[in-house]
Amino acid sequence: MKWHPQSEPNPLPYSPFKASTVPRPIGWLSSVDTEGCENIAPYSQWQNLTFDPPMVMFSANQYPDGRRKDTVLNAEQTGWFVWNMATYDLREEVNKSAMALEHSDSEWDHLDVTKEYADHLNIPMVKESPLKFECKYKTTLRIPGNSPVGTIDLVVADVETIHIDDAVIDDEGKLDILKIKPIARMGYFDYTVVTEKFEMRVPGSDSAAQAGLEGSA
């Protein structure tokens, strides 16, 4: 089959678009507003941008009525948000935090997790999450879609502090990803979990390139 999504209706009963760019890391993002109301929500459009300096991004679709997501507004207004790694053990809490609630109703009140607070701003973090990034807001790129819900805020931030549970660092000083078991978004209602890994090295790459790819540079 062939589909032109800009000009043709979807020929399948379910959209193949979001089910093709997989697996997608989950941005489990916590933030506060200027009044101190605490928020946490998962975003499946989340990624690192560069490592020098460490920089990340997430995009958030608007609500059908055109309202922007709380995480976006909180990041813009306070200058900070926190990424909490979503793991298999925390999967139910990640899913519950996706509930649509009134702004005054904090997702934290519905979760069975422990709060600990960030260094740079009084933002709650998930203590049980083995990795957390304290992210300093940098800029927002608003990209219009064909509808209010298709319009996105693309938020870019610098990573200022990285919190790591020592229990997930192996004897080589690397993150033990198979122990962490991160989860990722697929299409439809599907998720996946990292339980296997394999190594490949780029043929012909010099020692500097190898060091950069491995993260030891």
N, C-alpha and C. Protein backbone atom coordinates (compact mmCIF):
# COMPACT_ATOMS: atom_id res chain seq x y z
N MET A 1 0.84 -1.20 0.00
CA MET A 1 0.00 0.00 0.00
C MET A 1 0.87 1.24 0.00
N LYS A 2 0.28 2.36 -0.36
CA LYS A 2 0.93 3.65 -0.31
C LYS A 2 -0.09 4.67 0.16
N TRP A 3 0.36 5.55 1.07
CA TRP A 3 -0.56 6.53 1.66
C TRP A 3 0.09 7.90 1.65
N HIS A 4 -0.66 8.91 1.19
CA HIS A 4 -0.21 10.29 1.22
C HIS A 4 -0.98 11.00 2.34
N PRO A 5 -0.41 11.04 3.57
CA PRO A 5 -1.19 11.51 4.72
C PRO A 5 -1.56 12.99 4.67
N GLN A 6 -0.85 13.79 3.85
CA GLN A 6 -1.19 15.22 3.75
C GLN A 6 -2.45 15.45 2.91
N SER A 7 -2.80 14.47 2.08
CA SER A 7 -3.90 14.71 1.13
C SER A 7 -4.94 13.60 1.09
N GLU A 8 -4.69 12.48 1.77
CA GLU A 8 -5.61 11.35 1.69
C GLU A 8 -6.03 10.90 3.08
N PRO A 9 -7.25 10.38 3.21
CA PRO A 9 -7.66 9.81 4.50
C PRO A 9 -6.88 8.53 4.77
N ASN A 10 -6.77 8.18 6.04
CA ASN A 10 -6.05 6.97 6.43
C ASN A 10 -6.75 5.74 5.87
N PRO A 11 -6.06 4.89 5.10
CA PRO A 11 -6.71 3.71 4.52
C PRO A 11 -6.83 2.54 5.48
N LEU A 12 -6.16 2.63 6.66
CA LEU A 12 -6.21 1.55 7.64
C LEU A 12 -7.14 1.92 8.79
N PRO A 13 -7.62 0.93 9.53
CA PRO A 13 -8.51 1.25 10.66
C PRO A 13 -7.81 1.99 11.79
N TYR A 14 -6.46 1.88 11.88
CA TYR A 14 -5.68 2.60 12.88
C TYR A 14 -4.50 3.26 12.19
N SER A 15 -4.13 4.44 12.67
CA SER A 15 -3.06 5.18 12.01
C SER A 15 -1.72 4.47 12.15
N PRO A 16 -0.99 4.27 11.04
CA PRO A 16 0.33 3.66 11.13
C PRO A 16 1.44 4.66 11.47
N PHE A 17 1.13 5.95 11.48
CA PHE A 17 2.18 6.96 11.63
C PHE A 17 2.88 6.85 12.97
N LYS A 18 2.11 7.01 14.07
CA LYS A 18 2.75 6.97 15.38
C LYS A 18 3.23 5.57 15.75
N ALA A 19 2.69 4.55 15.08
CA ALA A 19 3.12 3.19 15.33
C ALA A 19 4.38 2.83 14.55
N SER A 20 4.90 3.76 13.76
CA SER A 20 6.10 3.51 12.97
C SER A 20 7.35 4.09 13.62
N THR A 21 7.25 5.25 14.22
CA THR A 21 8.40 5.86 14.88
C THR A 21 8.47 5.32 16.30
N VAL A 22 9.06 4.13 16.42
CA VAL A 22 9.06 3.42 17.70
C VAL A 22 10.39 2.71 17.91
N PRO A 23 10.73 2.42 19.16
CA PRO A 23 10.06 2.86 20.38
C PRO A 23 10.44 4.30 20.71
N ARG A 24 9.54 5.03 21.35
CA ARG A 24 9.80 6.42 21.69
C ARG A 24 10.04 6.56 23.20
N PRO A 25 11.16 7.20 23.58
CA PRO A 25 11.39 7.43 25.02
C PRO A 25 10.25 8.25 25.62
N ILE A 26 9.98 8.00 26.87
CA ILE A 26 8.89 8.69 27.57
C ILE A 26 9.45 9.84 28.39
N GLY A 27 8.93 11.02 28.16
CA GLY A 27 9.27 12.17 28.98
C GLY A 27 8.29 12.26 30.15
N TRP A 28 8.66 11.66 31.27
CA TRP A 28 7.80 11.72 32.47
C TRP A 28 8.22 12.98 33.22
N LEU A 29 7.48 14.06 32.99
CA LEU A 29 7.94 15.39 33.36
C LEU A 29 7.15 15.95 34.54
N SER A 30 7.88 16.38 35.56
CA SER A 30 7.26 17.03 36.71
C SER A 30 7.61 18.51 36.71
N SER A 31 6.67 19.30 37.24
CA SER A 31 6.83 20.75 37.23
C SER A 31 5.92 21.36 38.29
N VAL A 32 6.08 22.64 38.51
CA VAL A 32 5.19 23.39 39.39
C VAL A 32 4.81 24.69 38.70
N ASP A 33 3.64 25.22 39.06
CA ASP A 33 3.29 26.55 38.54
C ASP A 33 3.78 27.62 39.51
N THR A 34 3.49 28.86 39.20
CA THR A 34 3.99 29.97 40.02
C THR A 34 3.33 30.01 41.40
N GLU A 35 2.22 29.30 41.56
CA GLU A 35 1.55 29.23 42.86
C GLU A 35 1.98 28.01 43.65
N GLY A 36 2.84 27.17 43.07
CA GLY A 36 3.32 25.98 43.76
C GLY A 36 2.51 24.73 43.52
N CYS A 37 1.52 24.77 42.61
CA CYS A 37 0.71 23.59 42.29
C CYS A 37 1.60 22.60 41.53
N GLU A 38 1.64 21.35 42.00
CA GLU A 38 2.56 20.35 41.47
C GLU A 38 1.92 19.51 40.38
N ASN A 39 2.68 19.25 39.32
CA ASN A 39 2.17 18.56 38.14
C ASN A 39 3.16 17.47 37.71
N ILE A 40 2.66 16.37 37.19
CA ILE A 40 3.52 15.36 36.55
C ILE A 40 2.71 14.69 35.45
N ALA A 41 3.34 14.49 34.28
CA ALA A 41 2.63 13.90 33.14
C ALA A 41 3.65 13.28 32.19
N PRO A 42 3.24 12.22 31.46
CA PRO A 42 4.14 11.59 30.49
C PRO A 42 3.94 12.17 29.08
N TYR A 43 5.04 12.34 28.38
CA TYR A 43 5.03 12.81 27.00
C TYR A 43 5.84 11.83 26.14
N SER A 44 5.27 11.42 25.02
CA SER A 44 5.96 10.42 24.20
C SER A 44 6.77 11.05 23.08
N GLN A 45 6.73 12.37 22.96
CA GLN A 45 7.65 13.07 22.05
C GLN A 45 8.72 13.74 22.91
N TRP A 46 9.73 12.97 23.30
CA TRP A 46 10.79 13.41 24.20
C TRP A 46 12.11 12.89 23.68
N GLN A 47 13.16 13.71 23.73
CA GLN A 47 14.44 13.26 23.18
C GLN A 47 15.56 14.17 23.65
N ASN A 48 16.80 13.62 23.63
CA ASN A 48 17.96 14.48 23.82
C ASN A 48 18.31 15.14 22.48
N LEU A 49 18.90 16.32 22.53
CA LEU A 49 19.24 17.07 21.31
C LEU A 49 20.74 17.08 21.06
N THR A 50 21.53 17.28 22.10
CA THR A 50 22.98 17.30 21.98
C THR A 50 23.57 17.00 23.34
N PHE A 51 24.89 16.77 23.37
CA PHE A 51 25.55 16.41 24.63
C PHE A 51 26.53 17.48 25.09
N ASP A 52 26.72 18.55 24.31
CA ASP A 52 27.74 19.55 24.65
C ASP A 52 27.18 20.96 24.41
N PRO A 53 26.39 21.50 25.36
CA PRO A 53 26.04 20.92 26.66
C PRO A 53 24.85 19.98 26.53
N PRO A 54 24.59 19.15 27.56
CA PRO A 54 23.41 18.28 27.51
C PRO A 54 22.13 19.11 27.34
N MET A 55 21.35 18.76 26.33
CA MET A 55 20.15 19.52 26.00
C MET A 55 19.05 18.53 25.60
N VAL A 56 17.82 18.84 25.98
CA VAL A 56 16.70 17.96 25.71
C VAL A 56 15.54 18.75 25.11
N MET A 57 14.55 18.01 24.59
CA MET A 57 13.35 18.64 24.07
C MET A 57 12.15 17.73 24.33
N PHE A 58 10.97 18.35 24.38
CA PHE A 58 9.73 17.58 24.32
C PHE A 58 8.71 18.42 23.57
N SER A 59 7.76 17.74 22.96
CA SER A 59 6.68 18.48 22.31
C SER A 59 5.36 18.06 22.93
N ALA A 60 4.46 19.02 23.04
CA ALA A 60 3.17 18.80 23.68
C ALA A 60 2.07 19.31 22.79
N ASN A 61 1.16 18.42 22.40
CA ASN A 61 -0.02 18.84 21.64
C ASN A 61 -0.95 19.65 22.53
N GLN A 62 -1.64 20.62 21.92
CA GLN A 62 -2.65 21.37 22.65
C GLN A 62 -3.89 20.51 22.89
N TYR A 63 -4.75 20.97 23.78
CA TYR A 63 -6.05 20.35 23.96
C TYR A 63 -6.95 20.74 22.78
N PRO A 64 -8.03 19.98 22.53
CA PRO A 64 -8.92 20.31 21.41
C PRO A 64 -9.49 21.72 21.46
N ASP A 65 -9.61 22.29 22.67
CA ASP A 65 -10.13 23.66 22.77
C ASP A 65 -9.04 24.72 22.67
N GLY A 66 -7.80 24.29 22.39
CA GLY A 66 -6.72 25.24 22.19
C GLY A 66 -5.89 25.55 23.42
N ARG A 67 -6.27 25.01 24.58
CA ARG A 67 -5.47 25.24 25.78
C ARG A 67 -4.13 24.53 25.66
N ARG A 68 -3.10 25.14 26.23
CA ARG A 68 -1.76 24.56 26.22
C ARG A 68 -1.56 23.72 27.46
N LYS A 69 -0.66 22.75 27.39
CA LYS A 69 -0.45 21.81 28.49
C LYS A 69 0.20 22.51 29.68
N ASP A 70 -0.15 22.04 30.87
CA ASP A 70 0.38 22.64 32.10
C ASP A 70 1.90 22.57 32.15
N THR A 71 2.48 21.46 31.70
CA THR A 71 3.94 21.33 31.76
C THR A 71 4.63 22.43 30.97
N VAL A 72 4.07 22.74 29.80
CA VAL A 72 4.64 23.79 28.96
C VAL A 72 4.55 25.14 29.67
N LEU A 73 3.38 25.46 30.17
CA LEU A 73 3.18 26.74 30.84
C LEU A 73 4.05 26.85 32.09
N ASN A 74 4.15 25.76 32.85
CA ASN A 74 4.96 25.78 34.07
C ASN A 74 6.44 25.99 33.74
N ALA A 75 6.93 25.31 32.70
CA ALA A 75 8.33 25.47 32.31
C ALA A 75 8.61 26.90 31.87
N GLU A 76 7.71 27.47 31.09
CA GLU A 76 7.91 28.84 30.61
C GLU A 76 7.87 29.84 31.76
N GLN A 77 6.96 29.63 32.71
CA GLN A 77 6.75 30.62 33.76
C GLN A 77 7.76 30.51 34.91
N THR A 78 8.22 29.29 35.22
CA THR A 78 9.16 29.12 36.33
C THR A 78 10.59 28.93 35.86
N GLY A 79 10.76 28.49 34.60
CA GLY A 79 12.09 28.29 34.06
C GLY A 79 12.67 26.91 34.30
N TRP A 80 11.87 25.99 34.86
CA TRP A 80 12.41 24.66 35.20
C TRP A 80 11.37 23.57 35.03
N PHE A 81 11.83 22.34 34.76
CA PHE A 81 11.02 21.13 34.89
C PHE A 81 12.00 19.98 35.13
N VAL A 82 11.46 18.82 35.50
CA VAL A 82 12.29 17.64 35.80
C VAL A 82 11.83 16.46 34.95
N TRP A 83 12.80 15.75 34.38
CA TRP A 83 12.51 14.48 33.71
C TRP A 83 12.81 13.35 34.68
N ASN A 84 11.82 12.45 34.84
CA ASN A 84 11.97 11.25 35.66
C ASN A 84 11.93 10.04 34.72
N MET A 85 12.94 9.17 34.77
CA MET A 85 12.93 8.02 33.88
C MET A 85 11.76 7.10 34.20
N ALA A 86 11.01 6.73 33.17
CA ALA A 86 9.87 5.81 33.32
C ALA A 86 10.38 4.38 33.19
N THR A 87 10.13 3.57 34.19
CA THR A 87 10.62 2.19 34.21
C THR A 87 9.45 1.21 34.27
N TYR A 88 9.77 -0.06 34.04
CA TYR A 88 8.73 -1.09 34.07
C TYR A 88 8.08 -1.17 35.45
N ASP A 89 8.87 -1.04 36.49
CA ASP A 89 8.31 -1.10 37.84
C ASP A 89 7.37 0.06 38.14
N LEU A 90 7.55 1.16 37.43
CA LEU A 90 6.73 2.36 37.65
C LEU A 90 5.65 2.54 36.59
N ARG A 91 5.45 1.53 35.76
CA ARG A 91 4.57 1.69 34.59
C ARG A 91 3.15 2.11 34.94
N GLU A 92 2.58 1.54 36.01
CA GLU A 92 1.20 1.89 36.38
C GLU A 92 1.11 3.33 36.86
N GLU A 93 2.13 3.81 37.55
CA GLU A 93 2.11 5.19 38.02
C GLU A 93 2.28 6.16 36.84
N VAL A 94 3.14 5.79 35.87
CA VAL A 94 3.28 6.60 34.66
C VAL A 94 1.93 6.70 33.96
N ASN A 95 1.24 5.59 33.84
CA ASN A 95 -0.04 5.57 33.14
C ASN A 95 -1.09 6.41 33.87
N LYS A 96 -1.12 6.30 35.19
CA LYS A 96 -2.09 7.09 35.97
C LYS A 96 -1.82 8.58 35.84
N SER A 97 -0.56 8.96 35.71
CA SER A 97 -0.23 10.39 35.63
C SER A 97 -0.66 11.02 34.32
N ALA A 98 -1.10 10.19 33.35
CA ALA A 98 -1.59 10.71 32.07
C ALA A 98 -3.06 11.15 32.15
N MET A 99 -3.71 10.94 33.27
CA MET A 99 -5.11 11.32 33.42
C MET A 99 -5.31 12.82 33.20
N ALA A 100 -6.40 13.18 32.54
CA ALA A 100 -6.75 14.59 32.36
C ALA A 100 -7.47 15.09 33.61
N LEU A 101 -6.84 15.99 34.33
CA LEU A 101 -7.39 16.51 35.57
C LEU A 101 -7.54 18.03 35.49
N GLU A 102 -8.32 18.57 36.40
CA GLU A 102 -8.38 20.02 36.53
C GLU A 102 -7.02 20.54 36.99
N HIS A 103 -6.71 21.78 36.64
CA HIS A 103 -5.40 22.33 36.96
C HIS A 103 -5.11 22.29 38.46
N SER A 104 -6.13 22.47 39.27
CA SER A 104 -5.93 22.51 40.72
C SER A 104 -5.81 21.12 41.34
N ASP A 105 -6.09 20.07 40.56
CA ASP A 105 -6.04 18.69 41.05
C ASP A 105 -4.71 18.08 40.62
N SER A 106 -3.80 17.88 41.54
CA SER A 106 -2.46 17.41 41.22
C SER A 106 -2.45 15.90 40.96
N GLU A 107 -1.76 15.51 39.89
CA GLU A 107 -1.60 14.08 39.59
C GLU A 107 -0.88 13.36 40.72
N TRP A 108 -0.01 14.06 41.42
CA TRP A 108 0.75 13.44 42.51
C TRP A 108 -0.16 12.83 43.57
N ASP A 109 -1.34 13.42 43.77
CA ASP A 109 -2.25 12.92 44.79
C ASP A 109 -2.86 11.57 44.41
N HIS A 110 -2.69 11.17 43.16
CA HIS A 110 -3.26 9.91 42.68
C HIS A 110 -2.20 8.83 42.49
N LEU A 111 -0.94 9.13 42.79
CA LEU A 111 0.16 8.21 42.53
C LEU A 111 0.69 7.59 43.81
N ASP A 112 1.14 6.35 43.69
CA ASP A 112 1.76 5.65 44.81
C ASP A 112 3.28 5.70 44.63
N VAL A 113 3.82 6.91 44.77
CA VAL A 113 5.27 7.12 44.67
C VAL A 113 5.70 8.06 45.79
N THR A 114 7.00 8.14 45.98
CA THR A 114 7.56 9.02 47.01
C THR A 114 8.12 10.27 46.36
N LYS A 115 7.83 11.41 46.93
CA LYS A 115 8.37 12.67 46.42
C LYS A 115 9.73 12.97 47.04
N GLU A 116 10.62 13.49 46.21
CA GLU A 116 11.80 14.18 46.69
C GLU A 116 11.94 15.43 45.82
N TYR A 117 12.65 16.43 46.30
CA TYR A 117 12.58 17.72 45.61
C TYR A 117 13.89 18.09 44.93
N ALA A 118 13.75 18.77 43.81
CA ALA A 118 14.89 19.18 43.00
C ALA A 118 15.71 20.26 43.71
N ASP A 119 16.93 20.42 43.26
CA ASP A 119 17.83 21.39 43.87
C ASP A 119 17.54 22.82 43.44
N HIS A 120 17.21 23.01 42.15
CA HIS A 120 17.14 24.36 41.60
C HIS A 120 15.80 25.05 41.83
N LEU A 121 14.75 24.29 41.93
CA LEU A 121 13.42 24.83 42.19
C LEU A 121 12.66 23.76 42.95
N ASN A 122 11.64 24.15 43.69
CA ASN A 122 10.93 23.22 44.56
C ASN A 122 9.99 22.34 43.74
N ILE A 123 10.56 21.56 42.81
CA ILE A 123 9.80 20.68 41.94
C ILE A 123 9.90 19.26 42.48
N PRO A 124 8.76 18.56 42.66
CA PRO A 124 8.83 17.18 43.14
C PRO A 124 9.39 16.25 42.07
N MET A 125 10.19 15.29 42.50
CA MET A 125 10.72 14.26 41.63
C MET A 125 10.29 12.90 42.18
N VAL A 126 10.25 11.89 41.30
CA VAL A 126 9.86 10.55 41.72
C VAL A 126 11.09 9.86 42.31
N LYS A 127 11.09 9.67 43.61
CA LYS A 127 12.26 9.08 44.28
C LYS A 127 12.57 7.70 43.73
N GLU A 128 11.55 6.92 43.40
CA GLU A 128 11.74 5.55 42.92
C GLU A 128 12.30 5.50 41.51
N SER A 129 12.27 6.60 40.79
CA SER A 129 12.84 6.63 39.45
C SER A 129 14.37 6.69 39.56
N PRO A 130 15.11 5.82 38.86
CA PRO A 130 16.55 5.75 39.07
C PRO A 130 17.34 6.88 38.44
N LEU A 131 16.75 7.61 37.50
CA LEU A 131 17.44 8.74 36.87
C LEU A 131 16.50 9.93 36.77
N LYS A 132 17.03 11.10 37.12
CA LYS A 132 16.27 12.34 36.99
C LYS A 132 17.15 13.43 36.40
N PHE A 133 16.60 14.24 35.52
CA PHE A 133 17.28 15.42 34.98
C PHE A 133 16.56 16.68 35.47
N GLU A 134 17.30 17.60 36.07
CA GLU A 134 16.74 18.92 36.33
C GLU A 134 17.02 19.77 35.09
N CYS A 135 15.96 20.24 34.45
CA CYS A 135 16.05 20.88 33.15
C CYS A 135 15.71 22.36 33.24
N LYS A 136 16.60 23.20 32.74
CA LYS A 136 16.40 24.65 32.74
C LYS A 136 15.83 25.08 31.39
N TYR A 137 14.66 25.66 31.44
CA TYR A 137 13.95 26.06 30.22
C TYR A 137 14.79 26.99 29.36
N LYS A 138 14.76 26.75 28.05
CA LYS A 138 15.54 27.53 27.11
C LYS A 138 14.64 28.30 26.14
N THR A 139 13.74 27.59 25.44
CA THR A 139 12.89 28.25 24.47
C THR A 139 11.73 27.35 24.09
N THR A 140 10.69 27.95 23.50
CA THR A 140 9.55 27.21 22.96
C THR A 140 9.37 27.58 21.50
N LEU A 141 9.21 26.57 20.68
CA LEU A 141 8.86 26.77 19.27
C LEU A 141 7.43 26.29 19.08
N ARG A 142 6.53 27.23 18.75
CA ARG A 142 5.14 26.85 18.52
C ARG A 142 4.95 26.53 17.04
N ILE A 143 4.48 25.31 16.77
CA ILE A 143 4.33 24.82 15.41
C ILE A 143 2.85 24.55 15.15
N PRO A 144 2.23 25.29 14.23
CA PRO A 144 0.80 25.11 13.97
C PRO A 144 0.51 23.81 13.25
N GLY A 145 -0.59 23.17 13.62
CA GLY A 145 -1.07 21.99 12.92
C GLY A 145 -2.35 22.32 12.16
N ASN A 146 -3.06 21.30 11.73
CA ASN A 146 -4.31 21.51 11.00
C ASN A 146 -5.49 21.74 11.93
N SER A 147 -5.27 21.62 13.22
CA SER A 147 -6.33 21.79 14.20
C SER A 147 -5.68 22.23 15.50
N PRO A 148 -6.47 22.69 16.48
CA PRO A 148 -5.86 23.04 17.77
C PRO A 148 -5.09 21.89 18.39
N VAL A 149 -5.65 20.66 18.33
CA VAL A 149 -4.96 19.53 18.95
C VAL A 149 -3.74 19.11 18.14
N GLY A 150 -3.68 19.47 16.87
CA GLY A 150 -2.53 19.18 16.04
C GLY A 150 -1.41 20.19 16.19
N THR A 151 -1.69 21.30 16.84
CA THR A 151 -0.69 22.34 17.09
C THR A 151 0.15 21.95 18.30
N ILE A 152 1.47 22.16 18.20
CA ILE A 152 2.35 21.72 19.29
C ILE A 152 3.20 22.87 19.82
N ASP A 153 3.60 22.70 21.07
CA ASP A 153 4.67 23.49 21.68
C ASP A 153 5.89 22.58 21.76
N LEU A 154 6.98 22.96 21.10
CA LEU A 154 8.23 22.22 21.18
C LEU A 154 9.14 22.96 22.15
N VAL A 155 9.40 22.35 23.30
CA VAL A 155 10.13 22.99 24.39
C VAL A 155 11.57 22.45 24.43
N VAL A 156 12.54 23.35 24.48
CA VAL A 156 13.95 22.99 24.56
C VAL A 156 14.51 23.44 25.90
N ALA A 157 15.36 22.61 26.50
CA ALA A 157 15.91 22.94 27.82
C ALA A 157 17.33 22.40 27.96
N ASP A 158 18.11 23.06 28.80
CA ASP A 158 19.44 22.57 29.18
C ASP A 158 19.31 21.67 30.41
N VAL A 159 20.10 20.60 30.45
CA VAL A 159 20.13 19.72 31.62
C VAL A 159 21.19 20.26 32.58
N GLU A 160 20.76 20.70 33.75
CA GLU A 160 21.66 21.33 34.71
C GLU A 160 22.14 20.37 35.80
N THR A 161 21.30 19.42 36.18
CA THR A 161 21.68 18.45 37.21
C THR A 161 21.13 17.09 36.83
N ILE A 162 21.96 16.04 36.99
CA ILE A 162 21.54 14.67 36.72
C ILE A 162 21.64 13.89 38.03
N HIS A 163 20.52 13.28 38.43
CA HIS A 163 20.47 12.45 39.62
C HIS A 163 20.47 10.98 39.20
N ILE A 164 21.37 10.17 39.76
CA ILE A 164 21.45 8.75 39.42
C ILE A 164 21.48 7.93 40.71
N ASP A 165 20.63 6.91 40.76
CA ASP A 165 20.66 5.96 41.87
C ASP A 165 21.92 5.10 41.69
N ASP A 166 22.81 5.11 42.69
CA ASP A 166 24.06 4.35 42.60
C ASP A 166 23.83 2.88 42.31
N ALA A 167 22.67 2.35 42.68
CA ALA A 167 22.39 0.93 42.50
C ALA A 167 22.28 0.53 41.03
N VAL A 168 22.12 1.50 40.12
CA VAL A 168 21.98 1.16 38.70
C VAL A 168 23.25 1.47 37.92
N ILE A 169 24.35 1.74 38.63
CA ILE A 169 25.65 1.93 37.98
C ILE A 169 26.45 0.63 38.13
N ASP A 170 26.91 0.06 37.00
CA ASP A 170 27.61 -1.23 37.08
C ASP A 170 29.09 -1.03 37.41
N ASP A 171 29.83 -2.12 37.42
CA ASP A 171 31.24 -2.08 37.83
C ASP A 171 32.12 -1.33 36.84
N GLU A 172 31.66 -1.15 35.60
CA GLU A 172 32.41 -0.39 34.60
C GLU A 172 32.10 1.10 34.64
N GLY A 173 31.16 1.49 35.50
CA GLY A 173 30.75 2.89 35.55
C GLY A 173 29.70 3.24 34.51
N LYS A 174 29.03 2.22 33.98
CA LYS A 174 27.97 2.43 32.99
C LYS A 174 26.61 2.20 33.65
N LEU A 175 25.58 2.81 33.06
CA LEU A 175 24.23 2.55 33.54
C LEU A 175 23.83 1.12 33.18
N ASP A 176 23.28 0.41 34.14
CA ASP A 176 22.82 -0.95 33.92
C ASP A 176 21.37 -0.89 33.41
N ILE A 177 21.24 -0.71 32.11
CA ILE A 177 19.92 -0.48 31.52
C ILE A 177 19.02 -1.70 31.68
N LEU A 178 19.58 -2.90 31.62
CA LEU A 178 18.75 -4.10 31.78
C LEU A 178 18.21 -4.22 33.20
N LYS A 179 18.93 -3.66 34.16
CA LYS A 179 18.44 -3.61 35.54
C LYS A 179 17.37 -2.53 35.69
N ILE A 180 17.57 -1.41 35.01
CA ILE A 180 16.62 -0.29 35.10
C ILE A 180 15.29 -0.64 34.43
N LYS A 181 15.34 -1.31 33.29
CA LYS A 181 14.16 -1.68 32.51
C LYS A 181 13.31 -0.46 32.14
N PRO A 182 13.87 0.47 31.35
CA PRO A 182 13.06 1.61 30.90
C PRO A 182 11.91 1.13 30.03
N ILE A 183 10.81 1.85 30.07
CA ILE A 183 9.70 1.58 29.15
C ILE A 183 9.66 2.66 28.08
N ALA A 184 9.06 2.31 26.95
CA ALA A 184 8.97 3.24 25.82
C ALA A 184 7.60 3.11 25.17
N ARG A 185 7.19 4.17 24.52
CA ARG A 185 5.88 4.23 23.87
C ARG A 185 5.95 3.59 22.49
N MET A 186 4.96 2.80 22.17
CA MET A 186 4.79 2.27 20.83
C MET A 186 3.57 2.96 20.21
N GLY A 187 2.90 2.30 19.28
CA GLY A 187 1.66 2.85 18.75
C GLY A 187 0.46 2.29 19.51
N TYR A 188 -0.72 2.81 19.14
CA TYR A 188 -1.97 2.31 19.70
C TYR A 188 -1.95 2.45 21.23
N PHE A 189 -2.27 1.40 21.97
CA PHE A 189 -2.16 1.42 23.44
C PHE A 189 -0.93 0.65 23.90
N ASP A 190 0.03 0.46 23.02
CA ASP A 190 1.14 -0.45 23.28
C ASP A 190 2.38 0.27 23.80
N TYR A 191 3.09 -0.42 24.69
CA TYR A 191 4.38 0.01 25.22
C TYR A 191 5.36 -1.15 25.09
N THR A 192 6.62 -0.88 25.29
CA THR A 192 7.62 -1.93 25.34
C THR A 192 8.58 -1.65 26.48
N VAL A 193 9.41 -2.64 26.81
CA VAL A 193 10.37 -2.49 27.90
C VAL A 193 11.71 -3.03 27.43
N VAL A 194 12.80 -2.37 27.85
CA VAL A 194 14.14 -2.80 27.45
C VAL A 194 14.57 -3.96 28.35
N THR A 195 14.68 -5.13 27.76
CA THR A 195 15.13 -6.32 28.49
C THR A 195 16.30 -7.01 27.78
N GLU A 196 16.67 -6.53 26.61
CA GLU A 196 17.78 -7.10 25.86
C GLU A 196 18.62 -5.97 25.27
N LYS A 197 19.89 -6.25 25.02
CA LYS A 197 20.73 -5.28 24.34
C LYS A 197 21.80 -6.02 23.55
N PHE A 198 22.37 -5.36 22.56
CA PHE A 198 23.51 -5.91 21.82
C PHE A 198 24.40 -4.75 21.43
N GLU A 199 25.66 -5.04 21.18
CA GLU A 199 26.65 -4.00 20.88
C GLU A 199 27.05 -4.05 19.42
N MET A 200 27.22 -2.88 18.80
CA MET A 200 27.80 -2.77 17.47
C MET A 200 28.74 -1.57 17.47
N ARG A 201 29.89 -1.72 16.84
CA ARG A 201 30.86 -0.64 16.72
C ARG A 201 31.00 -0.27 15.25
N VAL A 202 31.07 1.03 14.96
CA VAL A 202 31.14 1.50 13.58
C VAL A 202 32.46 1.06 12.94
N PRO A 203 32.41 0.36 11.84
CA PRO A 203 33.66 -0.09 11.21
C PRO A 203 34.51 1.10 10.76
N GLY A 204 35.83 1.00 11.02
CA GLY A 204 36.75 2.02 10.55
C GLY A 204 36.79 3.30 11.35
N SER A 205 35.98 3.42 12.42
CA SER A 205 35.99 4.66 13.20
C SER A 205 37.25 4.71 14.06
N ASP A 206 37.82 5.92 14.20
CA ASP A 206 39.04 6.06 14.97
C ASP A 206 38.74 6.09 16.46
N SER A 207 39.79 6.18 17.27
CA SER A 207 39.62 6.11 18.72
C SER A 207 38.80 7.27 19.26
N ALA A 208 38.96 8.46 18.66
CA ALA A 208 38.18 9.61 19.12
C ALA A 208 36.70 9.41 18.83
N ALA A 209 36.40 8.88 17.64
CA ALA A 209 35.00 8.63 17.29
C ALA A 209 34.42 7.54 18.20
N GLN A 210 35.20 6.49 18.45
CA GLN A 210 34.74 5.43 19.33
C GLN A 210 34.45 5.96 20.72
N ALA A 211 35.33 6.82 21.21
CA ALA A 211 35.14 7.40 22.54
C ALA A 211 33.89 8.26 22.59
N GLY A 212 33.65 9.02 21.53
CA GLY A 212 32.45 9.86 21.49
C GLY A 212 31.18 9.03 21.46
N LEU A 213 31.17 7.97 20.65
CA LEU A 213 29.99 7.12 20.56
C LEU A 213 29.73 6.38 21.87
N GLU A 214 30.80 5.99 22.54
CA GLU A 214 30.65 5.26 23.79
C GLU A 214 30.31 6.18 24.96
N GLY A 215 30.63 7.46 24.81
CA GLY A 215 30.36 8.41 25.88
C GLY A 215 31.51 8.59 26.84
N SER A 216 32.70 8.11 26.46
CA SER A 216 33.85 8.26 27.34
C SER A 216 34.68 9.49 27.00
N ALA A 217 34.30 10.20 25.91
CA ALA A 217 35.06 11.40 25.51
C ALA A 217 34.58 12.60 26.32
